[in-house]
Amino acid sequence: MNTAAEADDYQITFVRSAGPGGQNVNKVATAAQLRFFLDRSNRLDEAGKARLRHLAGRRLTDAGDLLIIARNHRTQEGNRREALARLETLLIAARHVPKVRKATKPTRASQQRRVSNKLRAGRMKSLRGKVRGEE
């Protein structure tokens, strides 16, 4: 994922991380912001880009870029690796083309089984009624 052509597809910047972190939290920018330029990327075809837009959800910016923020690690390198791994996971999911469902009719045997099961259930329920005594 680190070839020159692919490196043009994204940009990583480091920002200060939110939350507790001790003395370094206000001084060191360790959180990684990965911005994937979806429109100018050639790693996906148009259908794959549409699937990635759907998968991205709220991570998609108004400009059409995918924004991934990683801040789980205490180092820039750890957060950079995590952001790139998350991007790769999304790209793999976007490359997967879902199978088209073909509508089928139920078989004649399955229709007959369904009807006979309904008739059997109806007979069982009729037997649950009140017992008529001899008058």
C-alpha atoms as a PDB file:
ATOM      1  CA  MET A   1       0.000   0.000   0.000  1.00  0.00           C
ATOM      2  CA  ASN A   2       3.003   2.295   0.024  1.00  0.00           C
ATOM      3  CA  THR A   3       3.732   2.599  -3.695  1.00  0.00           C
ATOM      4  CA  ALA A   4       4.091   6.063  -5.222  1.00  0.00           C
ATOM      5  CA  ALA A   5       0.850   5.809  -7.231  1.00  0.00           C
ATOM      6  CA  GLU A   6      -1.139   4.806  -4.166  1.00  0.00           C
ATOM      7  CA  ALA A   7       0.460   7.473  -1.984  1.00  0.00           C
ATOM      8  CA  ASP A   8      -1.198  10.119  -4.181  1.00  0.00           C
ATOM      9  CA  ASP A   9      -4.576   8.680  -3.178  1.00  0.00           C
ATOM     10  CA  TYR A  10      -4.314   9.693   0.473  1.00  0.00           C
ATOM     11  CA  GLN A  11      -2.729  12.191   2.837  1.00  0.00           C
ATOM     12  CA  ILE A  12      -1.908  11.682   6.509  1.00  0.00           C
ATOM     13  CA  THR A  13      -1.707  14.535   8.992  1.00  0.00           C
ATOM     14  CA  PHE A  14      -1.209  14.349  12.727  1.00  0.00           C
ATOM     15  CA  VAL A  15      -3.334  16.286  15.205  1.00  0.00           C
ATOM     16  CA  ARG A  16      -3.592  16.430  18.960  1.00  0.00           C
ATOM     17  CA  SER A  17      -5.560  13.577  20.381  1.00  0.00           C
ATOM     18  CA  ALA A  18      -8.620  14.112  22.565  1.00  0.00           C
ATOM     19  CA  GLY A  19      -9.135  12.686  26.030  1.00  0.00           C
ATOM     20  CA  PRO A  20      -6.769  11.884  28.883  1.00  0.00           C
ATOM     21  CA  GLY A  21      -3.109  11.363  28.149  1.00  0.00           C
ATOM     22  CA  GLY A  22      -0.977  12.840  30.861  1.00  0.00           C
ATOM     23  CA  GLN A  23       1.690  15.461  30.226  1.00  0.00           C
ATOM     24  CA  ASN A  24       1.971  14.908  26.479  1.00  0.00           C
ATOM     25  CA  VAL A  25      -1.674  15.249  25.496  1.00  0.00           C
ATOM     26  CA  ASN A  26      -1.451  19.021  24.974  1.00  0.00           C
ATOM     27  CA  LYS A  27       2.014  18.986  23.413  1.00  0.00           C
ATOM     28  CA  VAL A  28       2.347  16.067  21.010  1.00  0.00           C
ATOM     29  CA  ALA A  29       0.198  15.525  17.913  1.00  0.00           C
ATOM     30  CA  THR A  30      -0.177  11.745  17.806  1.00  0.00           C
ATOM     31  CA  ALA A  31      -3.680  11.200  16.389  1.00  0.00           C
ATOM     32  CA  ALA A  32      -3.555  10.341  12.684  1.00  0.00           C
ATOM     33  CA  GLN A  33      -6.024  11.854  10.229  1.00  0.00           C
ATOM     34  CA  LEU A  34      -6.017   9.930   6.968  1.00  0.00           C
ATOM     35  CA  ARG A  35      -7.785  11.666   4.091  1.00  0.00           C
ATOM     36  CA  PHE A  36      -8.470   9.337   1.136  1.00  0.00           C
ATOM     37  CA  PHE A  37      -9.209  11.226  -2.076  1.00  0.00           C
ATOM     38  CA  LEU A  38     -11.948   9.027  -3.471  1.00  0.00           C
ATOM     39  CA  ASP A  39     -12.577  10.916  -6.710  1.00  0.00           C
ATOM     40  CA  ARG A  40      -8.992  10.910  -7.950  1.00  0.00           C
ATOM     41  CA  SER A  41      -8.172   7.376  -6.830  1.00  0.00           C
ATOM     42  CA  ASN A  42      -7.752   4.694  -9.489  1.00  0.00           C
ATOM     43  CA  ARG A  43      -7.771   1.803  -7.012  1.00  0.00           C
ATOM     44  CA  LEU A  44     -11.531   1.268  -7.458  1.00  0.00           C
ATOM     45  CA  ASP A  45     -13.879   1.358 -10.422  1.00  0.00           C
ATOM     46  CA  GLU A  46     -16.987   3.561 -10.332  1.00  0.00           C
ATOM     47  CA  ALA A  47     -19.164   0.806  -8.845  1.00  0.00           C
ATOM     48  CA  GLY A  48     -16.538   0.179  -6.153  1.00  0.00           C
ATOM     49  CA  LYS A  49     -16.383   3.902  -5.375  1.00  0.00           C
ATOM     50  CA  ALA A  50     -20.165   3.944  -4.968  1.00  0.00           C
ATOM     51  CA  ARG A  51     -19.950   0.961  -2.588  1.00  0.00           C
ATOM     52  CA  LEU A  52     -17.176   2.717  -0.629  1.00  0.00           C
ATOM     53  CA  ARG A  53     -19.294   5.878  -0.351  1.00  0.00           C
ATOM     54  CA  HIS A  54     -22.085   3.742   1.081  1.00  0.00           C
ATOM     55  CA  LEU A  55     -19.708   1.961   3.495  1.00  0.00           C
ATOM     56  CA  ALA A  56     -18.061   5.223   4.603  1.00  0.00           C
ATOM     57  CA  GLY A  57     -21.243   6.726   6.043  1.00  0.00           C
ATOM     58  CA  ARG A  58     -20.458   9.789   8.161  1.00  0.00           C
ATOM     59  CA  ARG A  59     -16.726   9.461   7.488  1.00  0.00           C
ATOM     60  CA  LEU A  60     -17.348  10.917   4.015  1.00  0.00           C
ATOM     61  CA  THR A  61     -16.739  14.684   3.859  1.00  0.00           C
ATOM     62  CA  ASP A  62     -18.702  17.218   1.815  1.00  0.00           C
ATOM     63  CA  ALA A  63     -15.784  17.337  -0.634  1.00  0.00           C
ATOM     64  CA  GLY A  64     -16.168  13.602  -1.267  1.00  0.00           C
ATOM     65  CA  ASP A  65     -13.078  12.533   0.687  1.00  0.00           C
ATOM     66  CA  LEU A  66     -12.983   9.644   3.135  1.00  0.00           C
ATOM     67  CA  LEU A  67     -11.685  10.772   6.539  1.00  0.00           C
ATOM     68  CA  ILE A  68     -10.305   8.172   8.957  1.00  0.00           C
ATOM     69  CA  ILE A  69      -9.117   9.292  12.397  1.00  0.00           C
ATOM     70  CA  ALA A  70      -6.976   6.886  14.441  1.00  0.00           C
ATOM     71  CA  ARG A  71      -6.048   7.798  18.002  1.00  0.00           C
ATOM     72  CA  ASN A  72      -5.871   4.511  19.884  1.00  0.00           C
ATOM     73  CA  HIS A  73      -2.076   4.379  20.083  1.00  0.00           C
ATOM     74  CA  ARG A  74       0.349   6.666  21.900  1.00  0.00           C
ATOM     75  CA  THR A  75       2.668   7.032  18.915  1.00  0.00           C
ATOM     76  CA  GLN A  76       2.247   8.573  15.488  1.00  0.00           C
ATOM     77  CA  GLU A  77       3.534   5.407  13.844  1.00  0.00           C
ATOM     78  CA  GLY A  78       0.998   3.203  15.621  1.00  0.00           C
ATOM     79  CA  ASN A  79      -1.889   5.489  14.700  1.00  0.00           C
ATOM     80  CA  ARG A  80      -0.630   5.790  11.105  1.00  0.00           C
ATOM     81  CA  ARG A  81      -0.528   1.990  10.766  1.00  0.00           C
ATOM     82  CA  GLU A  82      -4.015   1.676  12.254  1.00  0.00           C
ATOM     83  CA  ALA A  83      -5.468   4.306   9.896  1.00  0.00           C
ATOM     84  CA  LEU A  84      -3.909   2.614   6.857  1.00  0.00           C
ATOM     85  CA  ALA A  85      -5.190  -0.777   8.023  1.00  0.00           C
ATOM     86  CA  ARG A  86      -8.719   0.600   8.401  1.00  0.00           C
ATOM     87  CA  LEU A  87      -8.525   2.138   4.918  1.00  0.00           C
ATOM     88  CA  GLU A  88      -7.365  -1.184   3.463  1.00  0.00           C
ATOM     89  CA  THR A  89     -10.245  -2.983   5.202  1.00  0.00           C
ATOM     90  CA  LEU A  90     -12.753  -0.554   3.703  1.00  0.00           C
ATOM     91  CA  LEU A  91     -11.195  -0.886   0.235  1.00  0.00           C
ATOM     92  CA  ILE A  92     -11.362  -4.685   0.414  1.00  0.00           C
ATOM     93  CA  ALA A  93     -15.027  -4.491   1.429  1.00  0.00           C
ATOM     94  CA  ALA A  94     -15.756  -2.022  -1.404  1.00  0.00           C
ATOM     95  CA  ARG A  95     -14.119  -4.316  -3.982  1.00  0.00           C
ATOM     96  CA  HIS A  96     -16.470  -7.153  -3.044  1.00  0.00           C
ATOM     97  CA  VAL A  97     -19.332  -7.287  -5.544  1.00  0.00           C
ATOM     98  CA  PRO A  98     -22.494  -8.644  -3.878  1.00  0.00           C
ATOM     99  CA  LYS A  99     -24.230 -11.540  -5.595  1.00  0.00           C
ATOM    100  CA  VAL A 100     -27.435 -10.589  -7.376  1.00  0.00           C
ATOM    101  CA  ARG A 101     -30.407 -12.460  -5.974  1.00  0.00           C
ATOM    102  CA  LYS A 102     -32.453 -14.277  -8.575  1.00  0.00           C
ATOM    103  CA  ALA A 103     -36.148 -14.629  -7.787  1.00  0.00           C
ATOM    104  CA  THR A 104     -37.317 -18.252  -7.891  1.00  0.00           C
ATOM    105  CA  LYS A 105     -40.688 -19.944  -7.653  1.00  0.00           C
ATOM    106  CA  PRO A 106     -41.372 -22.507  -4.926  1.00  0.00           C
ATOM    107  CA  THR A 107     -41.361 -26.071  -6.211  1.00  0.00           C
ATOM    108  CA  ARG A 108     -44.614 -27.985  -6.595  1.00  0.00           C
ATOM    109  CA  ALA A 109     -43.530 -30.442  -3.862  1.00  0.00           C
ATOM    110  CA  SER A 110     -42.812 -27.589  -1.406  1.00  0.00           C
ATOM    111  CA  GLN A 111     -46.214 -26.052  -2.148  1.00  0.00           C
ATOM    112  CA  GLN A 112     -47.925 -29.409  -1.500  1.00  0.00           C
ATOM    113  CA  ARG A 113     -45.975 -29.870   1.763  1.00  0.00           C
ATOM    114  CA  ARG A 114     -47.027 -26.378   2.876  1.00  0.00           C
ATOM    115  CA  VAL A 115     -50.708 -27.034   2.173  1.00  0.00           C
ATOM    116  CA  SER A 116     -50.683 -30.469   3.851  1.00  0.00           C
ATOM    117  CA  ASN A 117     -48.973 -28.976   6.923  1.00  0.00           C
ATOM    118  CA  LYS A 118     -51.634 -26.271   7.086  1.00  0.00           C
ATOM    119  CA  LEU A 119     -54.411 -28.857   6.840  1.00  0.00           C
ATOM    120  CA  ARG A 120     -52.784 -30.975   9.562  1.00  0.00           C
ATOM    121  CA  ALA A 121     -52.441 -27.937  11.840  1.00  0.00           C
ATOM    122  CA  GLY A 122     -56.080 -27.025  11.241  1.00  0.00           C
ATOM    123  CA  ARG A 123     -57.247 -30.537  12.168  1.00  0.00           C
ATOM    124  CA  MET A 124     -55.133 -30.432  15.346  1.00  0.00           C
ATOM    125  CA  LYS A 125     -56.681 -27.121  16.351  1.00  0.00           C
ATOM    126  CA  SER A 126     -60.204 -28.396  15.715  1.00  0.00           C
ATOM    127  CA  LEU A 127     -59.526 -31.273  18.112  1.00  0.00           C
ATOM    128  CA  ARG A 128     -58.658 -28.757  20.857  1.00  0.00           C
ATOM    129  CA  GLY A 129     -62.254 -27.543  21.042  1.00  0.00           C
ATOM    130  CA  LYS A 130     -64.833 -28.347  23.704  1.00  0.00           C
ATOM    131  CA  VAL A 131     -65.696 -32.019  24.141  1.00  0.00           C
ATOM    132  CA  ARG A 132     -69.340 -32.772  23.438  1.00  0.00           C
ATOM    133  CA  GLY A 133     -70.891 -35.092  25.954  1.00  0.00           C
ATOM    134  CA  GLU A 134     -73.561 -37.673  25.294  1.00  0.00           C
ATOM    135  CA  GLU A 135     -76.983 -36.130  25.654  1.00  0.00           C
END
